[in-house]
Amino acid sequence: MRDSVLILGGYGNFGKRIAAGLLARNVPVVIAGRNADKARACAESLGAEYAVVDIAGDLKGALEALRPRVVIHTAGPFQGADYRVAEACVQAGAHYVDLSDGRAFVTGFGRLGAVAKAAGVTLISGASSVPCLSSAVIEAVKDEFAVLERIEFGICPGQGAERGLATTAGILSYVGKPLKPYAGNDRPYGWQDLRQHDFPQLGRRFMGNCDIPDLDLLPERYGFKAVRFGAGLEVGFIHLGLWAMSWLVRLGLMPVALPKLAGPLLKGADLFNGLGSDDGGMFVEIEGVDRDGQRIRREWHIIARDGDGPQIPCVPAILLGQRLYEGDESLKAGAYSSLGLVRLRDYLAALEGFAIEAGFEGEGARQEGRDPSGTQCLKSLSATSPQGREEAARKKASPTLPASREGFKEDTPPRPR
């Protein structure tokens, strides 16, 4: 098991996909977790090794015994978590990657930089769709802009796509709670600012505020004056039900802490899988001024079908885990986020073979059908294509709100009838 990539939570929703991706790249993997039976079963199905590791126990001793070259931490939720796993990796001399989407966790991660440099190890946090994919999209088009002013982006998985308990608990931890202010919103609340986004082929889906690292990282790195991120649920009444719960939390009327209900709510949502699909998407909209002083806008989508959506957030851990295992010297010793560490073309290349397609809409550099990053324009996802018309015809009806693009306005509480 020495000189391998140890995946904590390796039999979970993301861990097993990361393991498969690394093994396909001839990187040796050890599936690790608290449950020996699940770890063994997952390892046997993939042709990997396994180990029983409890991050709440003697993690330092476990790492010293296993001596992995890289540790990938998928065992969230990361909201409210400490850095004990990363610190144990420093002590064991192992590189570290996590999939955290916890805003405070990722933005505060740099405090480990000094000890990581002294130990000669690399610690990377937030190796997931946000901020790794979001920043990859920005990097692909930023040279077209003299000034980056506004970014709005979001993710909406398919109802039938596999969902993890840790991810669900992480979101529920801030539903209805006041969030730290960010550029463009000085009074945000979790899962509020109800709005919709129109995805190619998928149609309009509800979105609500989520608390992610990008809200701090993107304005700091790129100078955005306004930023907004949302997540949504495909089945409209389920999204609206959670939105209603957010108001109960906000008004102090929710008798139970929502994270405690993560399991029952997840099981309840699964009962309605027949009302949705296995198809989800992510969008990124960037606005600003070009070098001629003209206002420009770039819009990018990625659409996943057949339940392949969970592959998307796994790519950064696969690529960065492989690079660290192979000794990529461009990943310097220290502690930092995944912001800008993966190029968009490399990210999308890692998704080849899955039912996933992506690209930009817009004019300018993309009129010829291929953008500078090597990504095809999103012509194939247009509602005017045969596939798009077929998908539009089968879209299920849902309540409609204006798809807000101009401002970030707070929604109002539901009124009794």
Protein backbone atom coordinates (compact mmCIF):
# COMPACT_ATOMS: atom_id res chain seq x y z
CA MET A 1 0.00 0.00 0.00
CA ARG A 2 3.01 2.29 0.11
CA ASP A 3 3.45 5.01 -2.50
CA SER A 4 -0.20 4.87 -3.50
CA VAL A 5 -3.11 7.31 -3.55
CA LEU A 6 -5.23 6.78 -0.45
CA ILE A 7 -8.86 7.88 -0.92
CA LEU A 8 -10.68 8.67 2.32
CA GLY A 9 -14.35 7.94 1.77
CA GLY A 10 -13.24 5.87 -1.21
CA TYR A 11 -16.47 3.87 -1.47
CA GLY A 12 -18.69 6.97 -1.43
CA ASN A 13 -20.48 8.79 -4.23
CA PHE A 14 -17.38 10.70 -5.37
CA GLY A 15 -14.63 8.52 -3.91
CA LYS A 16 -15.43 5.48 -6.03
CA ARG A 17 -15.48 7.57 -9.21
CA ILE A 18 -12.15 9.20 -8.36
CA ALA A 19 -10.68 5.77 -7.66
CA ALA A 20 -11.86 4.47 -11.05
CA GLY A 21 -10.44 7.51 -12.80
CA LEU A 22 -7.02 7.15 -11.17
CA LEU A 23 -6.84 3.41 -11.80
CA ALA A 24 -7.60 4.07 -15.47
CA ARG A 25 -4.46 6.24 -15.45
CA ASN A 26 -2.39 3.46 -13.91
CA VAL A 27 -2.21 5.18 -10.52
CA PRO A 28 -2.37 2.67 -7.61
CA VAL A 29 -5.29 3.33 -5.29
CA VAL A 30 -6.26 2.33 -1.75
CA ILE A 31 -9.96 2.59 -0.90
CA ALA A 32 -10.26 3.76 2.71
CA GLY A 33 -13.11 4.35 5.12
CA ARG A 34 -14.60 3.30 8.44
CA ASN A 35 -16.67 0.42 7.06
CA ALA A 36 -14.47 -2.57 6.21
CA ASP A 37 -17.17 -4.39 4.24
CA LYS A 38 -17.93 -1.41 2.01
CA ALA A 39 -14.24 -0.67 1.49
CA ARG A 40 -13.51 -4.29 0.59
CA ALA A 41 -16.45 -4.56 -1.80
CA CYS A 42 -15.57 -1.33 -3.59
CA ALA A 43 -11.89 -2.27 -3.84
CA GLU A 44 -12.71 -5.71 -5.24
CA SER A 45 -15.06 -4.23 -7.84
CA LEU A 46 -12.35 -1.84 -9.04
CA GLY A 47 -9.28 -4.03 -8.65
CA ALA A 48 -7.79 -1.85 -5.91
CA GLU A 49 -6.55 -2.36 -2.36
CA TYR A 50 -8.44 -1.25 0.73
CA ALA A 51 -7.82 -0.16 4.30
CA VAL A 52 -9.96 0.65 7.31
CA VAL A 53 -9.29 4.26 8.30
CA ASP A 54 -11.34 6.45 10.62
CA ILE A 55 -10.46 10.13 10.26
CA ALA A 56 -11.88 10.73 13.74
CA GLY A 57 -9.48 8.16 15.22
CA ASP A 58 -5.71 7.69 15.05
CA LEU A 59 -5.33 9.08 11.54
CA LYS A 60 -1.66 9.95 12.03
CA GLY A 61 -0.90 6.34 12.99
CA ALA A 62 -2.88 5.01 10.04
CA LEU A 63 -1.00 7.22 7.58
CA GLU A 64 2.35 6.27 9.07
CA ALA A 65 1.45 2.60 8.62
CA LEU A 66 0.07 2.94 5.08
CA ARG A 67 2.59 5.54 3.88
CA PRO A 68 0.59 6.86 0.92
CA ARG A 69 2.18 9.30 -1.48
CA VAL A 70 -1.09 11.24 -1.87
CA VAL A 71 -4.25 11.41 0.24
CA ILE A 72 -7.57 12.44 -1.34
CA HIS A 73 -10.14 13.47 1.25
CA THR A 74 -13.76 13.03 0.10
CA ALA A 75 -15.32 12.36 3.52
CA GLY A 76 -17.35 15.54 4.00
CA PRO A 77 -19.26 17.54 4.89
CA PHE A 78 -16.55 20.19 5.18
CA GLN A 79 -18.77 22.95 6.53
CA GLY A 80 -17.58 23.52 10.10
CA ALA A 81 -14.76 20.97 9.76
CA ASP A 82 -11.20 21.49 10.95
CA TYR A 83 -7.91 20.74 9.19
CA ARG A 84 -6.90 17.63 11.13
CA VAL A 85 -6.74 15.45 8.01
CA ALA A 86 -4.50 17.88 6.13
CA GLU A 87 -2.34 18.35 9.24
CA ALA A 88 -1.96 14.57 9.60
CA CYS A 89 -0.82 14.44 5.98
CA VAL A 90 1.84 17.06 6.69
CA GLN A 91 3.11 14.99 9.61
CA ALA A 92 3.14 11.85 7.44
CA GLY A 93 4.86 13.59 4.52
CA ALA A 94 1.95 12.94 2.14
CA HIS A 95 0.46 15.30 -0.42
CA TYR A 96 -3.22 16.13 0.14
CA VAL A 97 -6.27 16.97 -2.01
CA ASP A 98 -9.83 17.50 -0.80
CA LEU A 99 -13.22 18.06 -2.44
CA SER A 100 -14.37 20.72 0.00
CA ASP A 101 -17.05 23.16 -1.05
CA GLY A 102 -17.08 24.72 2.43
CA ARG A 103 -16.51 28.45 2.01
CA ALA A 104 -14.67 29.08 5.28
CA PHE A 105 -12.76 25.81 5.00
CA VAL A 106 -11.28 26.58 1.57
CA THR A 107 -10.70 30.31 2.04
CA GLY A 108 -8.90 29.69 5.34
CA PHE A 109 -6.85 26.78 4.04
CA GLY A 110 -3.78 28.91 3.33
CA ARG A 111 -2.98 29.06 7.03
CA LEU A 112 -1.36 25.64 6.61
CA GLY A 113 1.03 26.99 3.97
CA ALA A 114 4.06 27.49 6.20
CA VAL A 115 4.03 24.01 7.73
CA ALA A 116 3.34 22.43 4.34
CA LYS A 117 6.31 24.20 2.75
CA ALA A 118 8.55 23.20 5.66
CA ALA A 119 7.52 19.57 5.18
CA GLY A 120 7.86 19.74 1.39
CA VAL A 121 4.26 18.66 0.74
CA THR A 122 1.45 20.12 -1.35
CA LEU A 123 -2.00 20.60 0.15
CA ILE A 124 -4.86 21.50 -2.24
CA SER A 125 -8.39 22.29 -1.10
CA GLY A 126 -11.61 22.66 -3.09
CA ALA A 127 -10.74 20.25 -5.90
CA SER A 128 -14.25 20.11 -7.31
CA SER A 129 -16.56 21.89 -9.74
CA VAL A 130 -16.20 25.00 -7.60
CA PRO A 131 -13.73 26.61 -7.65
CA CYS A 132 -11.72 24.43 -10.05
CA LEU A 133 -14.08 24.17 -13.05
CA SER A 134 -15.55 27.64 -12.55
CA SER A 135 -12.07 29.19 -12.59
CA ALA A 136 -11.07 27.06 -15.60
CA VAL A 137 -13.94 28.62 -17.57
CA ILE A 138 -12.87 32.11 -16.51
CA GLU A 139 -9.26 31.43 -17.45
CA ALA A 140 -10.37 30.27 -20.91
CA VAL A 141 -11.95 33.66 -21.77
CA LYS A 142 -10.40 36.23 -19.45
CA ASP A 143 -8.01 37.58 -22.08
CA GLU A 144 -11.00 38.78 -24.11
CA PHE A 145 -11.85 41.18 -21.27
CA ALA A 146 -10.16 44.38 -20.18
CA VAL A 147 -12.43 44.38 -17.12
CA LEU A 148 -14.31 41.47 -15.59
CA GLU A 149 -17.39 42.92 -13.90
CA ARG A 150 -19.96 40.25 -13.11
CA ILE A 151 -20.23 36.49 -12.94
CA GLU A 152 -23.28 34.35 -12.30
CA PHE A 153 -23.04 30.57 -12.28
CA GLY A 154 -24.84 27.57 -10.94
CA ILE A 155 -25.35 23.83 -10.85
CA CYS A 156 -28.52 21.76 -11.10
CA PRO A 157 -28.17 17.95 -11.04
CA GLY A 158 -30.72 15.58 -12.47
CA GLN A 159 -33.25 14.19 -10.02
CA GLY A 160 -32.12 10.64 -10.76
CA ALA A 161 -28.39 11.30 -10.51
CA GLU A 162 -26.69 9.75 -7.49
CA ARG A 163 -26.61 12.10 -4.52
CA GLY A 164 -24.34 11.88 -1.50
CA LEU A 165 -25.41 12.26 2.12
CA ALA A 166 -22.42 14.49 2.96
CA THR A 167 -23.22 16.90 0.13
CA THR A 168 -26.85 17.05 1.22
CA ALA A 169 -25.90 17.70 4.85
CA GLY A 170 -23.45 20.39 3.77
CA ILE A 171 -26.13 22.32 1.88
CA LEU A 172 -28.70 21.91 4.65
CA SER A 173 -26.21 23.41 7.12
CA TYR A 174 -26.79 26.89 5.69
CA VAL A 175 -30.33 26.73 4.23
CA GLY A 176 -32.16 29.80 5.55
CA LYS A 177 -29.09 30.99 7.44
CA PRO A 178 -27.47 34.40 6.87
CA LEU A 179 -24.38 34.03 4.73
CA LYS A 180 -21.25 36.12 4.85
CA PRO A 181 -21.78 39.12 2.50
CA TYR A 182 -20.07 38.99 -0.86
CA ALA A 183 -19.64 41.20 -3.92
CA GLY A 184 -23.10 42.16 -5.17
CA ASN A 185 -25.05 40.98 -2.12
CA ASP A 186 -24.61 42.43 1.36
CA ARG A 187 -27.45 40.41 2.94
CA PRO A 188 -27.59 36.89 1.45
CA TYR A 189 -29.42 33.90 2.89
CA GLY A 190 -28.94 30.24 2.02
CA TRP A 191 -31.26 28.78 -0.64
CA GLN A 192 -33.03 32.12 -1.10
CA ASP A 193 -33.04 34.70 -3.93
CA LEU A 194 -35.36 32.33 -5.79
CA ARG A 195 -34.76 32.44 -9.54
CA GLN A 196 -34.56 30.22 -12.62
CA HIS A 197 -31.96 29.43 -15.26
CA ASP A 198 -32.75 28.18 -18.76
CA PHE A 199 -30.39 25.30 -19.56
CA PRO A 200 -29.95 24.14 -23.17
CA GLN A 201 -32.06 21.00 -23.74
CA LEU A 202 -32.91 20.73 -20.03
CA GLY A 203 -35.17 23.77 -19.80
CA ARG A 204 -35.78 26.14 -16.90
CA ARG A 205 -34.78 25.06 -13.41
CA PHE A 206 -35.03 26.79 -10.07
CA MET A 207 -31.89 28.05 -8.36
CA GLY A 208 -31.12 29.28 -4.84
CA ASN A 209 -28.13 30.76 -3.03
CA CYS A 210 -25.36 28.45 -1.88
CA ASP A 211 -22.35 29.27 0.29
CA ILE A 212 -19.22 28.33 -1.67
CA PRO A 213 -15.55 29.42 -1.72
CA ASP A 214 -15.89 31.16 -5.10
CA LEU A 215 -17.90 33.97 -3.51
CA ASP A 216 -14.66 35.16 -1.92
CA LEU A 217 -12.02 33.69 -4.24
CA LEU A 218 -13.28 34.95 -7.60
CA PRO A 219 -13.58 38.67 -6.73
CA GLU A 220 -10.18 38.52 -5.04
CA ARG A 221 -8.44 36.81 -7.98
CA TYR A 222 -10.25 38.33 -10.96
CA GLY A 223 -11.71 41.59 -9.66
CA PHE A 224 -15.40 40.83 -10.18
CA LYS A 225 -17.65 43.54 -8.74
CA ALA A 226 -20.62 41.19 -8.46
CA VAL A 227 -20.78 37.42 -8.08
CA ARG A 228 -23.68 35.05 -7.60
CA PHE A 229 -23.84 31.28 -7.38
CA GLY A 230 -26.87 29.07 -7.12
CA ALA A 231 -27.79 25.42 -6.99
CA GLY A 232 -31.09 23.84 -7.86
CA LEU A 233 -33.18 20.70 -7.79
CA GLU A 234 -34.73 19.45 -11.01
CA VAL A 235 -38.20 18.69 -9.65
CA GLY A 236 -39.74 22.10 -9.04
CA PHE A 237 -41.89 21.33 -5.99
CA ILE A 238 -38.93 19.73 -4.19
CA HIS A 239 -36.82 22.83 -4.75
CA LEU A 240 -39.71 25.05 -3.64
CA GLY A 241 -40.26 22.87 -0.58
CA LEU A 242 -36.66 23.42 0.50
CA TRP A 243 -37.06 27.13 -0.27
CA ALA A 244 -40.10 27.20 2.06
CA MET A 245 -38.02 25.47 4.73
CA SER A 246 -35.38 28.16 4.30
CA TRP A 247 -37.97 30.72 5.36
CA LEU A 248 -38.92 28.65 8.41
CA VAL A 249 -35.23 28.60 9.38
CA ARG A 250 -34.80 32.30 8.66
CA LEU A 251 -37.87 33.22 10.73
CA GLY A 252 -36.85 30.93 13.60
CA LEU A 253 -39.82 28.60 13.12
CA MET A 254 -37.96 25.42 12.17
CA PRO A 255 -38.06 23.11 15.22
CA VAL A 256 -35.26 20.79 14.05
CA ALA A 257 -31.79 21.55 12.69
CA LEU A 258 -32.01 20.69 8.99
CA PRO A 259 -28.67 18.79 8.79
CA LYS A 260 -30.18 16.22 11.17
CA LEU A 261 -32.84 15.57 8.54
CA ALA A 262 -30.37 14.98 5.70
CA GLY A 263 -30.95 11.21 5.61
CA PRO A 264 -34.78 11.29 5.70
CA LEU A 265 -34.97 14.19 3.24
CA LEU A 266 -32.64 12.40 0.83
CA LYS A 267 -34.72 9.22 1.02
CA GLY A 268 -37.90 11.23 0.61
CA ALA A 269 -36.55 12.97 -2.47
CA ASP A 270 -35.63 9.60 -3.98
CA LEU A 271 -39.34 8.66 -4.00
CA PHE A 272 -39.88 11.25 -6.73
CA ASN A 273 -37.08 10.17 -9.05
CA GLY A 274 -39.68 9.13 -11.61
CA LEU A 275 -40.75 12.75 -11.98
CA GLY A 276 -37.32 13.88 -13.11
CA SER A 277 -34.45 12.71 -15.28
CA ASP A 278 -30.82 11.67 -14.96
CA ASP A 279 -29.73 14.87 -16.70
CA GLY A 280 -28.15 17.92 -15.09
CA GLY A 281 -26.02 20.91 -15.94
CA MET A 282 -23.82 23.78 -14.89
CA PHE A 283 -23.65 27.27 -16.34
CA VAL A 284 -21.24 30.19 -16.14
CA GLU A 285 -22.15 33.70 -17.34
CA ILE A 286 -19.42 36.35 -17.42
CA GLU A 287 -19.94 40.02 -18.22
CA GLY A 288 -17.49 42.87 -18.60
CA VAL A 289 -15.78 45.26 -20.98
CA ASP A 290 -13.43 44.32 -23.81
CA ARG A 291 -10.24 46.13 -24.81
CA ASP A 292 -12.20 48.36 -27.21
CA GLY A 293 -14.47 49.56 -24.43
CA GLN A 294 -17.43 47.49 -25.61
CA ARG A 295 -19.59 45.48 -23.23
CA ILE A 296 -19.30 41.74 -23.81
CA ARG A 297 -20.84 38.65 -22.31
CA ARG A 298 -19.74 35.00 -22.44
CA GLU A 299 -21.98 32.11 -21.50
CA TRP A 300 -20.83 28.52 -20.99
CA HIS A 301 -22.76 25.35 -20.21
CA ILE A 302 -21.93 21.77 -19.45
CA ILE A 303 -24.74 19.22 -19.77
CA ALA A 304 -24.52 15.70 -18.32
CA ARG A 305 -26.87 12.88 -19.21
CA ASP A 306 -27.55 9.30 -18.16
CA GLY A 307 -26.55 9.97 -14.55
CA ASP A 308 -23.00 10.99 -15.46
CA GLY A 309 -23.24 14.36 -13.67
CA PRO A 310 -21.32 13.20 -10.55
CA GLN A 311 -18.29 12.56 -12.79
CA ILE A 312 -17.83 16.31 -13.27
CA PRO A 313 -16.82 17.30 -9.71
CA CYS A 314 -14.48 14.30 -9.52
CA VAL A 315 -12.19 15.45 -12.34
CA PRO A 316 -9.99 17.89 -10.33
CA ALA A 317 -9.14 15.27 -7.71
CA ILE A 318 -8.31 12.75 -10.44
CA LEU A 319 -6.07 15.11 -12.40
CA LEU A 320 -4.41 16.76 -9.41
CA GLY A 321 -4.02 13.42 -7.62
CA GLN A 322 -2.27 11.98 -10.66
CA ARG A 323 -0.01 15.02 -11.03
CA LEU A 324 1.01 14.88 -7.38
CA TYR A 325 1.59 11.13 -7.56
CA GLU A 326 3.81 11.61 -10.61
CA GLY A 327 5.76 14.44 -8.98
CA ASP A 328 4.54 17.40 -11.04
CA GLU A 329 6.85 20.20 -9.90
CA SER A 330 4.42 22.91 -11.02
CA LEU A 331 2.30 22.04 -7.96
CA LYS A 332 4.57 23.74 -5.44
CA ALA A 333 4.76 22.84 -1.78
CA GLY A 334 2.29 24.85 0.26
CA ALA A 335 -1.43 25.04 0.98
CA TYR A 336 -3.83 26.63 -1.50
CA SER A 337 -7.12 26.17 -3.33
CA SER A 338 -7.62 24.50 -6.71
CA LEU A 339 -8.34 27.89 -8.29
CA GLY A 340 -6.80 27.98 -11.77
CA LEU A 341 -4.89 24.70 -11.40
CA VAL A 342 -6.64 22.80 -14.24
CA ARG A 343 -7.06 24.06 -17.80
CA LEU A 344 -10.53 23.80 -19.29
CA ARG A 345 -9.34 21.64 -22.20
CA ASP A 346 -7.76 19.16 -19.77
CA TYR A 347 -10.84 19.14 -17.58
CA LEU A 348 -13.13 18.31 -20.50
CA ALA A 349 -10.72 15.79 -21.97
CA ALA A 350 -11.01 13.83 -18.71
CA LEU A 351 -14.77 13.59 -19.29
CA GLU A 352 -14.51 12.02 -22.74
CA GLY A 353 -16.41 8.75 -22.89
CA PHE A 354 -19.19 9.99 -20.61
CA ALA A 355 -22.55 11.39 -21.72
CA ILE A 356 -21.32 14.94 -21.21
CA GLU A 357 -20.98 17.87 -23.61
CA ALA A 358 -19.93 21.44 -23.02
CA GLY A 359 -19.14 24.70 -24.73
CA PHE A 360 -19.54 28.45 -25.04
CA GLU A 361 -22.29 30.47 -26.64
CA GLY A 362 -21.66 33.88 -28.11
CA GLU A 363 -19.94 35.72 -30.91
CA GLY A 364 -16.40 36.97 -31.44
CA ALA A 365 -13.75 34.31 -30.99
CA ARG A 366 -16.38 31.57 -31.19
CA GLN A 367 -17.99 32.37 -34.54
CA GLU A 368 -15.90 29.75 -36.32
CA GLY A 369 -17.21 26.96 -34.09
CA ARG A 370 -14.18 26.50 -31.84
CA ASP A 371 -12.97 28.68 -29.02
CA PRO A 372 -9.32 29.31 -28.06
CA SER A 373 -9.45 26.84 -25.18
CA GLY A 374 -10.12 23.99 -27.57
CA THR A 375 -13.76 23.63 -26.50
CA GLN A 376 -16.47 23.37 -29.12
CA CYS A 377 -19.18 26.03 -29.16
CA LEU A 378 -22.47 24.91 -27.71
CA LYS A 379 -24.19 24.58 -31.09
CA SER A 380 -25.05 20.94 -30.40
CA LEU A 381 -26.94 21.96 -27.26
CA SER A 382 -29.17 24.48 -29.02
CA ALA A 383 -32.90 23.97 -28.63
CA THR A 384 -33.08 24.26 -32.41
CA SER A 385 -31.09 21.04 -32.94
CA PRO A 386 -33.07 17.80 -33.45
CA GLN A 387 -31.97 16.54 -30.05
CA GLY A 388 -32.82 19.88 -28.49
CA ARG A 389 -36.32 19.86 -29.98
CA GLU A 390 -36.89 16.33 -28.72
CA GLU A 391 -35.72 17.28 -25.24
CA ALA A 392 -37.82 20.45 -25.22
CA ALA A 393 -40.88 18.42 -26.19
CA ARG A 394 -40.50 16.11 -23.22
CA LYS A 395 -39.70 18.78 -20.61
CA LYS A 396 -42.07 18.65 -17.69
CA ALA A 397 -44.09 21.73 -16.83
CA SER A 398 -43.01 23.73 -13.80
CA PRO A 399 -43.84 27.15 -12.31
CA THR A 400 -42.03 29.92 -14.13
CA LEU A 401 -40.11 32.87 -12.76
CA PRO A 402 -38.12 35.40 -14.75
CA ALA A 403 -34.56 34.22 -15.31
CA SER A 404 -32.77 37.05 -13.55
CA ARG A 405 -29.72 38.37 -15.37
CA GLU A 406 -29.72 42.07 -14.55
CA GLY A 407 -29.58 42.28 -10.78
CA PHE A 408 -29.38 40.33 -7.59
CA LYS A 409 -32.70 40.95 -5.87
CA GLU A 410 -33.82 39.38 -2.61
CA ASP A 411 -36.97 37.28 -2.79
CA THR A 412 -39.86 37.81 -0.38
CA PRO A 413 -41.35 35.35 2.11
CA PRO A 414 -44.38 33.32 1.03
CA ARG A 415 -47.62 34.91 2.16
CA PRO A 416 -50.44 32.89 3.75
CA ARG A 417 -53.53 32.49 1.64
